[in-house]
Amino acid sequence: MKGSLIIFACFVLGCLSGLYKGDISFDPHQISICILYVLMLFIGISLGSNREVAQFPSKFTPKMLLVPIATVGGTFLFSALAGLLLSQWSIFDCMAVGSGFAYYSLSSVLITQLKEPSLGVQLATELGTIALLANIFREMTALLGAPIICRLFGRFAPISAAGVTSTDLLLPSIAKYSGQDMMPIAIMHGLLINISVPFFVSFFCRM
Protein backbone atom coordinates (compact mmCIF):
# COMPACT_ATOMS: atom_id res chain seq x y z
CA MET A 1 0.00 0.00 0.00
CA LYS A 2 2.90 2.35 0.77
CA GLY A 3 4.11 2.11 -2.83
CA SER A 4 0.64 2.92 -4.16
CA LEU A 5 0.39 5.96 -1.90
CA ILE A 6 3.77 7.20 -3.10
CA ILE A 7 2.68 6.82 -6.73
CA PHE A 8 -0.56 8.64 -5.99
CA ALA A 9 1.32 11.45 -4.21
CA CYS A 10 3.63 11.84 -7.22
CA PHE A 11 0.57 11.95 -9.46
CA VAL A 12 -1.00 14.74 -7.40
CA LEU A 13 2.31 16.62 -7.39
CA GLY A 14 2.43 16.31 -11.19
CA CYS A 15 -1.10 17.69 -11.49
CA LEU A 16 -0.19 20.66 -9.32
CA SER A 17 2.96 21.23 -11.35
CA GLY A 18 0.88 21.21 -14.52
CA LEU A 19 -1.02 24.23 -13.25
CA TYR A 20 2.13 26.29 -13.64
CA LYS A 21 1.61 28.59 -16.61
CA GLY A 22 5.19 29.57 -17.26
CA ASP A 23 7.17 28.63 -20.35
CA ILE A 24 8.28 25.01 -20.38
CA SER A 25 11.61 24.51 -22.11
CA PHE A 26 11.18 20.75 -22.61
CA ASP A 27 8.64 18.44 -24.19
CA PRO A 28 6.86 16.53 -21.38
CA HIS A 29 5.50 13.96 -23.84
CA GLN A 30 8.98 13.09 -25.03
CA ILE A 31 9.98 12.56 -21.42
CA SER A 32 7.01 10.22 -20.90
CA ILE A 33 8.19 8.14 -23.85
CA CYS A 34 11.60 7.81 -22.23
CA ILE A 35 9.91 6.81 -18.97
CA LEU A 36 7.95 4.17 -20.88
CA TYR A 37 11.15 2.67 -22.29
CA VAL A 38 12.70 2.61 -18.82
CA LEU A 39 9.61 0.86 -17.42
CA MET A 40 9.80 -1.80 -20.13
CA LEU A 41 13.48 -2.32 -19.30
CA PHE A 42 12.67 -2.75 -15.61
CA ILE A 43 9.96 -5.29 -16.46
CA GLY A 44 12.55 -7.42 -18.21
CA ILE A 45 15.03 -7.04 -15.36
CA SER A 46 12.37 -7.90 -12.78
CA LEU A 47 11.27 -11.03 -14.60
CA GLY A 48 14.80 -12.13 -15.40
CA SER A 49 15.98 -11.77 -11.80
CA ASN A 50 13.01 -13.63 -10.29
CA ARG A 51 14.44 -16.82 -8.80
CA GLU A 52 11.03 -18.47 -8.81
CA VAL A 53 10.98 -18.44 -12.63
CA ALA A 54 13.58 -21.21 -12.75
CA GLN A 55 11.28 -23.46 -10.70
CA PHE A 56 8.24 -23.09 -12.95
CA PRO A 57 8.95 -26.11 -15.21
CA SER A 58 8.92 -28.51 -12.26
CA LYS A 59 5.74 -27.02 -10.74
CA PHE A 60 3.79 -26.26 -13.89
CA THR A 61 0.59 -28.08 -14.80
CA PRO A 62 -1.80 -27.13 -17.63
CA LYS A 63 -4.61 -26.51 -15.13
CA MET A 64 -2.65 -23.56 -13.74
CA LEU A 65 -3.38 -21.67 -16.95
CA LEU A 66 -7.07 -21.57 -16.07
CA VAL A 67 -6.41 -18.92 -13.40
CA PRO A 68 -4.79 -16.27 -15.66
CA ILE A 69 -7.33 -17.09 -18.38
CA ALA A 70 -10.14 -16.45 -15.90
CA THR A 71 -8.46 -13.22 -14.78
CA VAL A 72 -8.12 -11.93 -18.33
CA GLY A 73 -11.63 -13.02 -19.35
CA GLY A 74 -13.32 -11.56 -16.28
CA THR A 75 -11.43 -8.28 -16.51
CA PHE A 76 -12.27 -7.83 -20.18
CA LEU A 77 -15.93 -8.72 -19.61
CA PHE A 78 -16.50 -6.14 -16.90
CA SER A 79 -14.35 -3.56 -18.69
CA ALA A 80 -16.56 -3.98 -21.76
CA LEU A 81 -19.67 -3.61 -19.61
CA ALA A 82 -18.23 -0.37 -18.23
CA GLY A 83 -17.72 0.80 -21.81
CA LEU A 84 -21.43 0.27 -22.47
CA LEU A 85 -22.31 2.47 -19.52
CA LEU A 86 -19.84 5.28 -20.20
CA SER A 87 -20.72 7.49 -23.14
CA GLN A 88 -17.41 9.36 -23.36
CA TRP A 89 -15.19 6.31 -23.73
CA SER A 90 -15.51 3.42 -26.14
CA ILE A 91 -15.58 -0.23 -25.13
CA PHE A 92 -12.02 -0.64 -26.40
CA ASP A 93 -10.84 2.36 -24.36
CA CYS A 94 -12.28 0.79 -21.22
CA MET A 95 -10.74 -2.57 -22.08
CA ALA A 96 -7.36 -0.86 -22.54
CA VAL A 97 -7.72 0.57 -19.04
CA GLY A 98 -8.67 -2.85 -17.66
CA SER A 99 -5.70 -4.40 -19.45
CA GLY A 100 -3.42 -2.75 -16.91
CA PHE A 101 -4.29 -5.57 -14.45
CA ALA A 102 -3.12 -3.33 -11.54
CA TYR A 103 0.10 -2.35 -13.35
CA TYR A 104 -0.78 1.33 -13.03
CA SER A 105 2.63 2.85 -13.80
CA LEU A 106 3.11 1.09 -17.13
CA SER A 107 -0.49 1.06 -18.38
CA SER A 108 -1.13 4.75 -17.72
CA VAL A 109 1.96 5.92 -19.61
CA LEU A 110 1.42 3.44 -22.43
CA ILE A 111 -2.24 4.40 -22.92
CA THR A 112 -1.42 8.11 -22.93
CA GLN A 113 1.20 7.64 -25.64
CA LEU A 114 -0.79 5.27 -27.84
CA LYS A 115 -4.07 7.21 -27.69
CA GLU A 116 -2.58 10.66 -28.29
CA PRO A 117 -2.65 10.43 -32.12
CA SER A 118 -6.35 9.50 -32.20
CA LEU A 119 -7.73 11.38 -29.19
CA GLY A 120 -5.40 14.32 -28.85
CA VAL A 121 -3.19 15.23 -25.91
CA GLN A 122 -5.94 16.22 -23.48
CA LEU A 123 -8.23 13.21 -23.88
CA ALA A 124 -5.31 10.79 -24.06
CA THR A 125 -3.99 12.22 -20.80
CA GLU A 126 -7.45 11.89 -19.23
CA LEU A 127 -7.67 8.24 -20.26
CA GLY A 128 -4.16 7.60 -18.96
CA THR A 129 -5.15 9.20 -15.66
CA ILE A 130 -8.22 6.97 -15.46
CA ALA A 131 -5.98 3.95 -16.06
CA LEU A 132 -3.64 5.08 -13.29
CA LEU A 133 -6.40 5.55 -10.72
CA ALA A 134 -8.39 2.46 -11.73
CA ASN A 135 -5.39 0.16 -11.47
CA ILE A 136 -4.23 1.69 -8.18
CA PHE A 137 -7.75 1.10 -6.87
CA ARG A 138 -7.63 -2.51 -8.06
CA GLU A 139 -4.34 -3.13 -6.27
CA MET A 140 -5.49 -1.53 -3.03
CA THR A 141 -8.84 -3.35 -3.14
CA ALA A 142 -7.07 -6.69 -3.62
CA LEU A 143 -4.62 -5.87 -0.82
CA LEU A 144 -7.17 -4.72 1.75
CA GLY A 145 -9.97 -7.06 0.75
CA ALA A 146 -8.01 -10.31 0.34
CA PRO A 147 -9.64 -12.10 3.32
CA ILE A 148 -13.16 -11.08 2.29
CA ILE A 149 -12.55 -11.92 -1.37
CA CYS A 150 -11.20 -15.34 -0.41
CA ARG A 151 -14.13 -16.05 1.92
CA LEU A 152 -16.81 -15.02 -0.61
CA PHE A 153 -15.36 -16.26 -3.89
CA GLY A 154 -12.84 -18.98 -3.06
CA ARG A 155 -9.11 -19.48 -2.80
CA PHE A 156 -8.33 -18.50 -6.39
CA ALA A 157 -10.18 -15.17 -6.20
CA PRO A 158 -7.44 -13.17 -4.41
CA ILE A 159 -4.97 -14.27 -7.09
CA SER A 160 -7.20 -13.02 -9.91
CA ALA A 161 -8.02 -9.81 -8.07
CA ALA A 162 -4.32 -9.10 -7.54
CA GLY A 163 -3.52 -9.08 -11.25
CA VAL A 164 0.20 -8.56 -11.84
CA THR A 165 0.82 -8.08 -8.10
CA SER A 166 0.09 -11.73 -7.31
CA THR A 167 3.77 -12.40 -7.89
CA ASP A 168 5.12 -9.79 -5.45
CA LEU A 169 3.08 -7.35 -3.35
CA LEU A 170 0.01 -9.57 -2.83
CA LEU A 171 1.93 -12.84 -2.50
CA PRO A 172 2.10 -12.75 1.34
CA SER A 173 -1.66 -12.10 1.56
CA ILE A 174 -2.38 -14.89 -0.91
CA ALA A 175 -0.20 -17.29 1.07
CA LYS A 176 -1.96 -16.28 4.30
CA TYR A 177 -5.59 -16.43 3.17
CA SER A 178 -5.52 -18.84 0.19
CA GLY A 179 -2.81 -21.15 1.50
CA GLN A 180 0.89 -21.81 0.96
CA ASP A 181 0.09 -24.35 -1.74
CA MET A 182 -1.33 -21.55 -3.91
CA MET A 183 1.98 -19.70 -4.14
CA PRO A 184 3.26 -21.43 -7.34
CA ILE A 185 -0.03 -20.63 -9.08
CA ALA A 186 0.09 -17.03 -7.84
CA ILE A 187 3.65 -16.54 -9.07
CA MET A 188 2.96 -18.06 -12.47
CA HIS A 189 -0.26 -16.03 -12.74
CA GLY A 190 1.53 -12.76 -11.97
CA LEU A 191 4.33 -13.57 -14.40
CA LEU A 192 2.00 -14.32 -17.32
CA ILE A 193 -0.25 -11.32 -16.62
CA ASN A 194 2.81 -9.10 -16.31
CA ILE A 195 4.03 -10.13 -19.75
CA SER A 196 0.58 -9.67 -21.29
CA VAL A 197 0.00 -6.07 -20.16
CA PRO A 198 1.95 -4.27 -22.96
CA PHE A 199 0.40 -6.50 -25.64
CA PHE A 200 -3.22 -6.16 -24.49
CA VAL A 201 -2.95 -2.42 -23.83
CA SER A 202 -1.38 -1.83 -27.24
CA PHE A 203 -3.98 -4.04 -28.96
CA PHE A 204 -7.02 -2.27 -27.49
CA CYS A 205 -5.52 1.21 -27.90
CA ARG A 206 -5.25 0.56 -31.63
CA MET A 207 -8.80 -0.72 -32.02
C-alpha atoms as a PDB file:
ATOM      1  CA  MET A   1       0.000   0.000   0.000  1.00  0.00           C
ATOM      2  CA  LYS A   2       2.898   2.347   0.768  1.00  0.00           C
ATOM      3  CA  GLY A   3       4.113   2.109  -2.826  1.00  0.00           C
ATOM      4  CA  SER A   4       0.637   2.921  -4.157  1.00  0.00           C
ATOM      5  CA  LEU A   5       0.387   5.960  -1.898  1.00  0.00           C
ATOM      6  CA  ILE A   6       3.770   7.201  -3.099  1.00  0.00           C
ATOM      7  CA  ILE A   7       2.680   6.817  -6.730  1.00  0.00           C
ATOM      8  CA  PHE A   8      -0.559   8.644  -5.993  1.00  0.00           C
ATOM      9  CA  ALA A   9       1.317  11.450  -4.209  1.00  0.00           C
ATOM     10  CA  CYS A  10       3.631  11.845  -7.217  1.00  0.00           C
ATOM     11  CA  PHE A  11       0.571  11.945  -9.463  1.00  0.00           C
ATOM     12  CA  VAL A  12      -1.000  14.741  -7.400  1.00  0.00           C
ATOM     13  CA  LEU A  13       2.309  16.623  -7.391  1.00  0.00           C
ATOM     14  CA  GLY A  14       2.431  16.306 -11.190  1.00  0.00           C
ATOM     15  CA  CYS A  15      -1.103  17.690 -11.489  1.00  0.00           C
ATOM     16  CA  LEU A  16      -0.193  20.657  -9.320  1.00  0.00           C
ATOM     17  CA  SER A  17       2.964  21.228 -11.347  1.00  0.00           C
ATOM     18  CA  GLY A  18       0.878  21.208 -14.518  1.00  0.00           C
ATOM     19  CA  LEU A  19      -1.020  24.229 -13.253  1.00  0.00           C
ATOM     20  CA  TYR A  20       2.135  26.294 -13.641  1.00  0.00           C
ATOM     21  CA  LYS A  21       1.606  28.590 -16.615  1.00  0.00           C
ATOM     22  CA  GLY A  22       5.186  29.569 -17.258  1.00  0.00           C
ATOM     23  CA  ASP A  23       7.171  28.629 -20.353  1.00  0.00           C
ATOM     24  CA  ILE A  24       8.275  25.006 -20.381  1.00  0.00           C
ATOM     25  CA  SER A  25      11.607  24.510 -22.111  1.00  0.00           C
ATOM     26  CA  PHE A  26      11.177  20.749 -22.611  1.00  0.00           C
ATOM     27  CA  ASP A  27       8.641  18.437 -24.190  1.00  0.00           C
ATOM     28  CA  PRO A  28       6.863  16.527 -21.381  1.00  0.00           C
ATOM     29  CA  HIS A  29       5.504  13.956 -23.837  1.00  0.00           C
ATOM     30  CA  GLN A  30       8.985  13.086 -25.032  1.00  0.00           C
ATOM     31  CA  ILE A  31       9.985  12.558 -21.415  1.00  0.00           C
ATOM     32  CA  SER A  32       7.012  10.224 -20.896  1.00  0.00           C
ATOM     33  CA  ILE A  33       8.186   8.144 -23.852  1.00  0.00           C
ATOM     34  CA  CYS A  34      11.605   7.808 -22.229  1.00  0.00           C
ATOM     35  CA  ILE A  35       9.913   6.808 -18.973  1.00  0.00           C
ATOM     36  CA  LEU A  36       7.948   4.171 -20.882  1.00  0.00           C
ATOM     37  CA  TYR A  37      11.147   2.671 -22.290  1.00  0.00           C
ATOM     38  CA  VAL A  38      12.701   2.610 -18.818  1.00  0.00           C
ATOM     39  CA  LEU A  39       9.605   0.860 -17.418  1.00  0.00           C
ATOM     40  CA  MET A  40       9.805  -1.798 -20.130  1.00  0.00           C
ATOM     41  CA  LEU A  41      13.485  -2.318 -19.299  1.00  0.00           C
ATOM     42  CA  PHE A  42      12.666  -2.751 -15.610  1.00  0.00           C
ATOM     43  CA  ILE A  43       9.957  -5.285 -16.462  1.00  0.00           C
ATOM     44  CA  GLY A  44      12.552  -7.425 -18.213  1.00  0.00           C
ATOM     45  CA  ILE A  45      15.034  -7.037 -15.357  1.00  0.00           C
ATOM     46  CA  SER A  46      12.367  -7.896 -12.783  1.00  0.00           C
ATOM     47  CA  LEU A  47      11.267 -11.026 -14.601  1.00  0.00           C
ATOM     48  CA  GLY A  48      14.797 -12.132 -15.403  1.00  0.00           C
ATOM     49  CA  SER A  49      15.976 -11.768 -11.803  1.00  0.00           C
ATOM     50  CA  ASN A  50      13.008 -13.628 -10.289  1.00  0.00           C
ATOM     51  CA  ARG A  51      14.435 -16.823  -8.802  1.00  0.00           C
ATOM     52  CA  GLU A  52      11.034 -18.472  -8.810  1.00  0.00           C
ATOM     53  CA  VAL A  53      10.981 -18.444 -12.625  1.00  0.00           C
ATOM     54  CA  ALA A  54      13.581 -21.215 -12.751  1.00  0.00           C
ATOM     55  CA  GLN A  55      11.285 -23.455 -10.697  1.00  0.00           C
ATOM     56  CA  PHE A  56       8.237 -23.085 -12.947  1.00  0.00           C
ATOM     57  CA  PRO A  57       8.954 -26.113 -15.208  1.00  0.00           C
ATOM     58  CA  SER A  58       8.922 -28.509 -12.258  1.00  0.00           C
ATOM     59  CA  LYS A  59       5.744 -27.021 -10.745  1.00  0.00           C
ATOM     60  CA  PHE A  60       3.789 -26.257 -13.891  1.00  0.00           C
ATOM     61  CA  THR A  61       0.586 -28.080 -14.801  1.00  0.00           C
ATOM     62  CA  PRO A  62      -1.798 -27.127 -17.628  1.00  0.00           C
ATOM     63  CA  LYS A  63      -4.610 -26.509 -15.126  1.00  0.00           C
ATOM     64  CA  MET A  64      -2.650 -23.560 -13.740  1.00  0.00           C
ATOM     65  CA  LEU A  65      -3.375 -21.670 -16.950  1.00  0.00           C
ATOM     66  CA  LEU A  66      -7.067 -21.565 -16.071  1.00  0.00           C
ATOM     67  CA  VAL A  67      -6.407 -18.918 -13.402  1.00  0.00           C
ATOM     68  CA  PRO A  68      -4.788 -16.269 -15.663  1.00  0.00           C
ATOM     69  CA  ILE A  69      -7.325 -17.093 -18.382  1.00  0.00           C
ATOM     70  CA  ALA A  70     -10.142 -16.452 -15.904  1.00  0.00           C
ATOM     71  CA  THR A  71      -8.460 -13.217 -14.780  1.00  0.00           C
ATOM     72  CA  VAL A  72      -8.123 -11.926 -18.330  1.00  0.00           C
ATOM     73  CA  GLY A  73     -11.626 -13.017 -19.349  1.00  0.00           C
ATOM     74  CA  GLY A  74     -13.323 -11.556 -16.281  1.00  0.00           C
ATOM     75  CA  THR A  75     -11.432  -8.285 -16.511  1.00  0.00           C
ATOM     76  CA  PHE A  76     -12.269  -7.835 -20.181  1.00  0.00           C
ATOM     77  CA  LEU A  77     -15.930  -8.716 -19.612  1.00  0.00           C
ATOM     78  CA  PHE A  78     -16.498  -6.136 -16.903  1.00  0.00           C
ATOM     79  CA  SER A  79     -14.349  -3.556 -18.692  1.00  0.00           C
ATOM     80  CA  ALA A  80     -16.562  -3.979 -21.764  1.00  0.00           C
ATOM     81  CA  LEU A  81     -19.675  -3.608 -19.612  1.00  0.00           C
ATOM     82  CA  ALA A  82     -18.229  -0.373 -18.228  1.00  0.00           C
ATOM     83  CA  GLY A  83     -17.724   0.799 -21.811  1.00  0.00           C
ATOM     84  CA  LEU A  84     -21.425   0.269 -22.475  1.00  0.00           C
ATOM     85  CA  LEU A  85     -22.311   2.475 -19.516  1.00  0.00           C
ATOM     86  CA  LEU A  86     -19.843   5.283 -20.202  1.00  0.00           C
ATOM     87  CA  SER A  87     -20.717   7.492 -23.144  1.00  0.00           C
ATOM     88  CA  GLN A  88     -17.411   9.363 -23.361  1.00  0.00           C
ATOM     89  CA  TRP A  89     -15.189   6.315 -23.733  1.00  0.00           C
ATOM     90  CA  SER A  90     -15.514   3.422 -26.144  1.00  0.00           C
ATOM     91  CA  ILE A  91     -15.579  -0.230 -25.127  1.00  0.00           C
ATOM     92  CA  PHE A  92     -12.024  -0.638 -26.397  1.00  0.00           C
ATOM     93  CA  ASP A  93     -10.837   2.364 -24.364  1.00  0.00           C
ATOM     94  CA  CYS A  94     -12.278   0.795 -21.222  1.00  0.00           C
ATOM     95  CA  MET A  95     -10.741  -2.569 -22.082  1.00  0.00           C
ATOM     96  CA  ALA A  96      -7.363  -0.862 -22.545  1.00  0.00           C
ATOM     97  CA  VAL A  97      -7.723   0.575 -19.038  1.00  0.00           C
ATOM     98  CA  GLY A  98      -8.669  -2.855 -17.659  1.00  0.00           C
ATOM     99  CA  SER A  99      -5.700  -4.403 -19.451  1.00  0.00           C
ATOM    100  CA  GLY A 100      -3.423  -2.751 -16.908  1.00  0.00           C
ATOM    101  CA  PHE A 101      -4.295  -5.574 -14.445  1.00  0.00           C
ATOM    102  CA  ALA A 102      -3.121  -3.326 -11.542  1.00  0.00           C
ATOM    103  CA  TYR A 103       0.099  -2.353 -13.349  1.00  0.00           C
ATOM    104  CA  TYR A 104      -0.775   1.327 -13.025  1.00  0.00           C
ATOM    105  CA  SER A 105       2.634   2.851 -13.797  1.00  0.00           C
ATOM    106  CA  LEU A 106       3.111   1.093 -17.130  1.00  0.00           C
ATOM    107  CA  SER A 107      -0.485   1.058 -18.381  1.00  0.00           C
ATOM    108  CA  SER A 108      -1.132   4.754 -17.722  1.00  0.00           C
ATOM    109  CA  VAL A 109       1.956   5.922 -19.613  1.00  0.00           C
ATOM    110  CA  LEU A 110       1.418   3.438 -22.433  1.00  0.00           C
ATOM    111  CA  ILE A 111      -2.240   4.400 -22.917  1.00  0.00           C
ATOM    112  CA  THR A 112      -1.421   8.108 -22.933  1.00  0.00           C
ATOM    113  CA  GLN A 113       1.198   7.640 -25.643  1.00  0.00           C
ATOM    114  CA  LEU A 114      -0.791   5.269 -27.840  1.00  0.00           C
ATOM    115  CA  LYS A 115      -4.069   7.207 -27.688  1.00  0.00           C
ATOM    116  CA  GLU A 116      -2.582  10.658 -28.287  1.00  0.00           C
ATOM    117  CA  PRO A 117      -2.648  10.434 -32.121  1.00  0.00           C
ATOM    118  CA  SER A 118      -6.346   9.496 -32.203  1.00  0.00           C
ATOM    119  CA  LEU A 119      -7.733  11.376 -29.193  1.00  0.00           C
ATOM    120  CA  GLY A 120      -5.396  14.322 -28.846  1.00  0.00           C
ATOM    121  CA  VAL A 121      -3.193  15.230 -25.913  1.00  0.00           C
ATOM    122  CA  GLN A 122      -5.944  16.222 -23.476  1.00  0.00           C
ATOM    123  CA  LEU A 123      -8.228  13.210 -23.877  1.00  0.00           C
ATOM    124  CA  ALA A 124      -5.307  10.790 -24.058  1.00  0.00           C
ATOM    125  CA  THR A 125      -3.990  12.224 -20.796  1.00  0.00           C
ATOM    126  CA  GLU A 126      -7.446  11.893 -19.227  1.00  0.00           C
ATOM    127  CA  LEU A 127      -7.671   8.241 -20.256  1.00  0.00           C
ATOM    128  CA  GLY A 128      -4.156   7.599 -18.957  1.00  0.00           C
ATOM    129  CA  THR A 129      -5.153   9.203 -15.656  1.00  0.00           C
ATOM    130  CA  ILE A 130      -8.224   6.965 -15.458  1.00  0.00           C
ATOM    131  CA  ALA A 131      -5.976   3.949 -16.056  1.00  0.00           C
ATOM    132  CA  LEU A 132      -3.635   5.081 -13.287  1.00  0.00           C
ATOM    133  CA  LEU A 133      -6.402   5.554 -10.720  1.00  0.00           C
ATOM    134  CA  ALA A 134      -8.394   2.465 -11.734  1.00  0.00           C
ATOM    135  CA  ASN A 135      -5.385   0.165 -11.469  1.00  0.00           C
ATOM    136  CA  ILE A 136      -4.235   1.689  -8.178  1.00  0.00           C
ATOM    137  CA  PHE A 137      -7.750   1.102  -6.874  1.00  0.00           C
ATOM    138  CA  ARG A 138      -7.625  -2.510  -8.062  1.00  0.00           C
ATOM    139  CA  GLU A 139      -4.342  -3.126  -6.274  1.00  0.00           C
ATOM    140  CA  MET A 140      -5.494  -1.529  -3.029  1.00  0.00           C
ATOM    141  CA  THR A 141      -8.838  -3.349  -3.139  1.00  0.00           C
ATOM    142  CA  ALA A 142      -7.068  -6.685  -3.618  1.00  0.00           C
ATOM    143  CA  LEU A 143      -4.623  -5.870  -0.822  1.00  0.00           C
ATOM    144  CA  LEU A 144      -7.166  -4.720   1.752  1.00  0.00           C
ATOM    145  CA  GLY A 145      -9.974  -7.057   0.753  1.00  0.00           C
ATOM    146  CA  ALA A 146      -8.010 -10.306   0.342  1.00  0.00           C
ATOM    147  CA  PRO A 147      -9.636 -12.102   3.325  1.00  0.00           C
ATOM    148  CA  ILE A 148     -13.164 -11.077   2.290  1.00  0.00           C
ATOM    149  CA  ILE A 149     -12.555 -11.916  -1.374  1.00  0.00           C
ATOM    150  CA  CYS A 150     -11.199 -15.337  -0.412  1.00  0.00           C
ATOM    151  CA  ARG A 151     -14.129 -16.048   1.916  1.00  0.00           C
ATOM    152  CA  LEU A 152     -16.806 -15.017  -0.609  1.00  0.00           C
ATOM    153  CA  PHE A 153     -15.360 -16.258  -3.888  1.00  0.00           C
ATOM    154  CA  GLY A 154     -12.845 -18.979  -3.063  1.00  0.00           C
ATOM    155  CA  ARG A 155      -9.107 -19.483  -2.798  1.00  0.00           C
ATOM    156  CA  PHE A 156      -8.333 -18.503  -6.392  1.00  0.00           C
ATOM    157  CA  ALA A 157     -10.178 -15.169  -6.203  1.00  0.00           C
ATOM    158  CA  PRO A 158      -7.437 -13.170  -4.413  1.00  0.00           C
ATOM    159  CA  ILE A 159      -4.968 -14.272  -7.094  1.00  0.00           C
ATOM    160  CA  SER A 160      -7.203 -13.022  -9.905  1.00  0.00           C
ATOM    161  CA  ALA A 161      -8.024  -9.806  -8.066  1.00  0.00           C
ATOM    162  CA  ALA A 162      -4.317  -9.100  -7.541  1.00  0.00           C
ATOM    163  CA  GLY A 163      -3.516  -9.075 -11.252  1.00  0.00           C
ATOM    164  CA  VAL A 164       0.204  -8.560 -11.836  1.00  0.00           C
ATOM    165  CA  THR A 165       0.824  -8.076  -8.101  1.00  0.00           C
ATOM    166  CA  SER A 166       0.087 -11.732  -7.312  1.00  0.00           C
ATOM    167  CA  THR A 167       3.769 -12.399  -7.886  1.00  0.00           C
ATOM    168  CA  ASP A 168       5.116  -9.795  -5.454  1.00  0.00           C
ATOM    169  CA  LEU A 169       3.077  -7.353  -3.355  1.00  0.00           C
ATOM    170  CA  LEU A 170       0.010  -9.570  -2.831  1.00  0.00           C
ATOM    171  CA  LEU A 171       1.932 -12.838  -2.498  1.00  0.00           C
ATOM    172  CA  PRO A 172       2.099 -12.746   1.344  1.00  0.00           C
ATOM    173  CA  SER A 173      -1.664 -12.095   1.562  1.00  0.00           C
ATOM    174  CA  ILE A 174      -2.375 -14.889  -0.911  1.00  0.00           C
ATOM    175  CA  ALA A 175      -0.199 -17.292   1.071  1.00  0.00           C
ATOM    176  CA  LYS A 176      -1.959 -16.284   4.297  1.00  0.00           C
ATOM    177  CA  TYR A 177      -5.586 -16.433   3.165  1.00  0.00           C
ATOM    178  CA  SER A 178      -5.516 -18.841   0.187  1.00  0.00           C
ATOM    179  CA  GLY A 179      -2.810 -21.155   1.503  1.00  0.00           C
ATOM    180  CA  GLN A 180       0.886 -21.808   0.962  1.00  0.00           C
ATOM    181  CA  ASP A 181       0.090 -24.349  -1.741  1.00  0.00           C
ATOM    182  CA  MET A 182      -1.326 -21.551  -3.908  1.00  0.00           C
ATOM    183  CA  MET A 183       1.982 -19.702  -4.138  1.00  0.00           C
ATOM    184  CA  PRO A 184       3.265 -21.432  -7.335  1.00  0.00           C
ATOM    185  CA  ILE A 185      -0.027 -20.629  -9.078  1.00  0.00           C
ATOM    186  CA  ALA A 186       0.095 -17.034  -7.838  1.00  0.00           C
ATOM    187  CA  ILE A 187       3.655 -16.540  -9.066  1.00  0.00           C
ATOM    188  CA  MET A 188       2.958 -18.058 -12.465  1.00  0.00           C
ATOM    189  CA  HIS A 189      -0.263 -16.033 -12.744  1.00  0.00           C
ATOM    190  CA  GLY A 190       1.531 -12.761 -11.973  1.00  0.00           C
ATOM    191  CA  LEU A 191       4.329 -13.569 -14.401  1.00  0.00           C
ATOM    192  CA  LEU A 192       1.996 -14.319 -17.321  1.00  0.00           C
ATOM    193  CA  ILE A 193      -0.253 -11.324 -16.618  1.00  0.00           C
ATOM    194  CA  ASN A 194       2.815  -9.102 -16.310  1.00  0.00           C
ATOM    195  CA  ILE A 195       4.031 -10.130 -19.750  1.00  0.00           C
ATOM    196  CA  SER A 196       0.579  -9.671 -21.286  1.00  0.00           C
ATOM    197  CA  VAL A 197       0.000  -6.071 -20.163  1.00  0.00           C
ATOM    198  CA  PRO A 198       1.952  -4.274 -22.963  1.00  0.00           C
ATOM    199  CA  PHE A 199       0.398  -6.505 -25.637  1.00  0.00           C
ATOM    200  CA  PHE A 200      -3.215  -6.165 -24.494  1.00  0.00           C
ATOM    201  CA  VAL A 201      -2.954  -2.421 -23.832  1.00  0.00           C
ATOM    202  CA  SER A 202      -1.376  -1.834 -27.243  1.00  0.00           C
ATOM    203  CA  PHE A 203      -3.983  -4.035 -28.961  1.00  0.00           C
ATOM    204  CA  PHE A 204      -7.024  -2.272 -27.494  1.00  0.00           C
ATOM    205  CA  CYS A 205      -5.518   1.210 -27.897  1.00  0.00           C
ATOM    206  CA  ARG A 206      -5.247   0.560 -31.634  1.00  0.00           C
ATOM    207  CA  MET A 207      -8.801  -0.723 -32.025  1.00  0.00           C
END
